[in-house]
Amino acid sequence: MALGTAAATANAAPAPTNCVVNLDSDSKQCYGTFREAVAASTYGRITDAPLSAKHIDQKLADRLKASSGTTGARSVQLGVVYTASNYGGSAMILTADRGCRNGNGRDFETNLDGIFDNSVSSLTTLSCWLELWDAPNTSGVHHEYQQTTSYVGDPMNDRASSIAML
């Protein structure tokens, strides 16, 4: 029995990772559920997010945008990238101490690492437009997304190595 259980566990897909990256401090912390990641990124202002990023909806996106404007807010949610289309797989919430000026130049940029490098397939825009680049240090081929996108398209799918927030 134990051998069969071990084999089933070895063949199971890894659980999605849900990370929060603060672009000002360049810190990254990962959590077991999307709910935990949202609670951490909002410093406890939103604690009832879905367990999985797959279930983010416009109502939650609006709450994330609004939470950064509340008194005492310590971070602004800039956007979320996902490793699968339709907002599935692992999720990375991008935060900073301030929002973007939307379209008036690059406000933040970062290289993707670990499971997010060359694996972004969908994204949610919150306080910024997101620009995916196929090479580190925002170089190479790129595409800008001004709205939430369930599939980033064949030219950028599983190719992004860096991201800029506009």
Protein backbone atom coordinates (compact mmCIF):
# COMPACT_ATOMS: atom_id res chain seq x y z
CA MET A 1 0.00 0.00 0.00
CA ALA A 2 2.69 2.50 0.94
CA LEU A 3 4.49 1.99 -2.38
CA GLY A 4 1.31 2.76 -4.35
CA THR A 5 0.73 5.91 -2.29
CA ALA A 6 4.32 7.06 -2.84
CA ALA A 7 4.02 6.49 -6.59
CA ALA A 8 0.74 8.43 -6.75
CA THR A 9 2.31 11.29 -4.81
CA ALA A 10 5.38 11.34 -7.07
CA ASN A 11 3.19 11.60 -10.19
CA ALA A 12 0.88 14.30 -8.80
CA ALA A 13 1.23 17.78 -10.26
CA PRO A 14 2.91 20.22 -7.88
CA ALA A 15 0.57 22.56 -6.07
CA PRO A 16 0.44 26.07 -7.53
CA THR A 17 2.68 28.64 -5.89
CA ASN A 18 1.21 32.02 -4.97
CA CYS A 19 3.82 34.72 -4.52
CA VAL A 20 3.87 38.41 -3.63
CA VAL A 21 6.71 40.51 -5.05
CA ASN A 22 7.31 44.03 -3.76
CA LEU A 23 9.12 45.91 -6.50
CA ASP A 24 10.38 48.66 -4.18
CA SER A 25 12.10 46.33 -1.72
CA ASP A 26 12.73 43.55 -4.28
CA SER A 27 11.31 41.08 -1.76
CA LYS A 28 9.42 37.92 -2.67
CA GLN A 29 7.33 35.75 -0.38
CA CYS A 30 5.32 32.71 -1.48
CA TYR A 31 2.23 31.17 0.09
CA GLY A 32 0.22 27.96 -0.13
CA THR A 33 -2.99 29.64 -1.30
CA PHE A 34 -3.95 32.68 -3.33
CA ARG A 35 -6.04 33.86 -0.35
CA GLU A 36 -2.92 33.94 1.84
CA ALA A 37 -0.99 35.84 -0.84
CA VAL A 38 -3.77 38.44 -1.22
CA ALA A 39 -4.05 38.86 2.56
CA ALA A 40 -0.28 39.41 2.76
CA SER A 41 -0.17 41.82 -0.20
CA THR A 42 -2.99 43.92 1.28
CA TYR A 43 -1.63 43.71 4.85
CA GLY A 44 -4.85 42.01 5.96
CA ARG A 45 -7.31 44.41 4.29
CA ILE A 46 -8.64 41.58 2.09
CA THR A 47 -8.82 38.17 3.76
CA ASP A 48 -11.65 36.51 1.85
CA ALA A 49 -10.08 36.09 -1.61
CA PRO A 50 -10.58 32.70 -3.26
CA LEU A 51 -8.14 29.93 -2.37
CA SER A 52 -7.07 29.67 -6.01
CA ALA A 53 -6.10 32.52 -8.34
CA LYS A 54 -8.18 30.77 -10.99
CA HIS A 55 -11.26 32.25 -9.34
CA ILE A 56 -10.28 35.92 -9.40
CA ASP A 57 -13.16 37.98 -10.78
CA GLN A 58 -13.82 41.63 -11.56
CA LYS A 59 -15.26 42.20 -8.08
CA LEU A 60 -12.02 41.04 -6.44
CA ALA A 61 -9.92 42.99 -8.95
CA ASP A 62 -11.91 46.12 -8.09
CA ARG A 63 -11.41 45.47 -4.36
CA LEU A 64 -7.66 45.05 -4.90
CA LYS A 65 -7.50 48.35 -6.79
CA ALA A 66 -9.54 50.12 -4.09
CA SER A 67 -7.66 48.60 -1.15
CA SER A 68 -4.48 50.41 -2.09
CA GLY A 69 -6.26 53.75 -1.79
CA THR A 70 -7.39 53.17 1.78
CA THR A 71 -5.96 55.13 4.68
CA GLY A 72 -2.84 53.48 6.01
CA ALA A 73 -2.32 51.31 2.93
CA ARG A 74 1.28 50.13 2.80
CA SER A 75 1.28 48.64 -0.67
CA VAL A 76 -0.41 49.03 -4.02
CA GLN A 77 -1.36 45.96 -6.05
CA LEU A 78 -0.01 46.63 -9.56
CA GLY A 79 -1.02 43.42 -11.32
CA VAL A 80 -1.01 39.63 -11.23
CA VAL A 81 0.65 37.22 -13.66
CA TYR A 82 -0.30 33.53 -13.99
CA THR A 83 1.54 30.49 -15.33
CA ALA A 84 -1.53 29.13 -17.15
CA SER A 85 -4.11 30.66 -19.45
CA ASN A 86 -7.46 31.72 -18.01
CA TYR A 87 -5.77 32.84 -14.77
CA GLY A 88 -4.70 29.37 -13.72
CA GLY A 89 -1.57 27.77 -12.35
CA SER A 90 0.77 29.69 -10.10
CA ALA A 91 0.18 33.40 -9.48
CA MET A 92 2.49 36.29 -8.69
CA ILE A 93 1.02 39.48 -7.25
CA LEU A 94 3.18 42.49 -8.08
CA THR A 95 3.12 45.29 -5.48
CA ALA A 96 4.89 48.56 -4.76
CA ASP A 97 4.59 51.56 -2.45
CA ARG A 98 2.79 53.54 -5.15
CA GLY A 99 0.83 52.92 -8.32
CA CYS A 100 1.69 53.66 -11.95
CA ARG A 101 1.03 56.71 -14.10
CA ASN A 102 -0.56 54.44 -16.77
CA GLY A 103 1.18 54.88 -20.06
CA ASN A 104 3.51 57.69 -19.07
CA GLY A 105 6.73 55.71 -19.11
CA ARG A 106 8.05 52.78 -17.19
CA ASP A 107 7.30 52.95 -13.47
CA PHE A 108 8.70 49.58 -12.37
CA GLU A 109 10.48 46.62 -13.91
CA THR A 110 11.73 43.27 -12.72
CA ASN A 111 13.18 40.04 -14.03
CA LEU A 112 11.03 36.96 -13.61
CA ASP A 113 12.65 34.02 -11.88
CA GLY A 114 11.92 30.50 -10.79
CA ILE A 115 8.63 29.07 -11.96
CA PHE A 116 7.54 32.42 -13.46
CA ASP A 117 10.46 32.74 -15.92
CA ASN A 118 9.30 31.69 -19.39
CA SER A 119 5.91 30.55 -18.11
CA VAL A 120 3.49 33.53 -18.01
CA SER A 121 0.28 32.79 -19.93
CA SER A 122 -2.33 35.23 -18.56
CA LEU A 123 -2.44 38.39 -16.46
CA THR A 124 -4.65 40.76 -14.50
CA THR A 125 -3.98 44.49 -14.70
CA LEU A 126 -4.75 46.39 -11.52
CA SER A 127 -2.96 49.72 -10.93
CA CYS A 128 -0.67 49.44 -13.97
CA TRP A 129 -0.49 48.32 -17.54
CA LEU A 130 1.84 45.33 -17.84
CA GLU A 131 4.51 44.84 -20.48
CA LEU A 132 6.04 41.39 -20.96
CA TRP A 133 9.58 41.05 -22.40
CA ASP A 134 11.12 37.84 -23.72
CA ALA A 135 14.60 38.59 -22.34
CA PRO A 136 15.96 39.71 -18.94
CA ASN A 137 16.27 43.40 -18.08
CA THR A 138 13.27 44.38 -20.24
CA SER A 139 15.00 43.68 -23.52
CA GLY A 140 14.09 41.75 -26.65
CA VAL A 141 10.58 41.25 -28.01
CA HIS A 142 7.79 42.74 -25.91
CA HIS A 143 4.06 43.26 -25.79
CA GLU A 144 2.00 45.72 -23.72
CA TYR A 145 -1.27 44.76 -22.02
CA GLN A 146 -3.61 47.55 -20.96
CA GLN A 147 -6.31 45.24 -19.67
CA THR A 148 -6.76 41.89 -18.00
CA THR A 149 -5.92 39.16 -20.52
CA SER A 150 -6.92 35.48 -20.28
CA TYR A 151 -4.22 34.46 -22.79
CA VAL A 152 -1.20 36.63 -23.60
CA GLY A 153 -1.03 35.28 -27.16
CA ASP A 154 1.30 32.91 -28.97
CA PRO A 155 4.17 35.43 -29.41
CA MET A 156 4.52 35.93 -25.60
CA ASN A 157 3.06 32.74 -24.11
CA ASP A 158 5.67 31.00 -21.93
CA ARG A 159 8.37 33.41 -23.18
CA ALA A 160 8.47 36.32 -20.70
CA SER A 161 11.69 36.71 -18.73
CA SER A 162 11.05 40.25 -17.48
CA ILE A 163 8.13 42.55 -16.94
CA ALA A 164 7.63 46.31 -16.84
CA MET A 165 4.76 48.17 -15.21
CA LEU A 166 3.56 51.27 -17.05
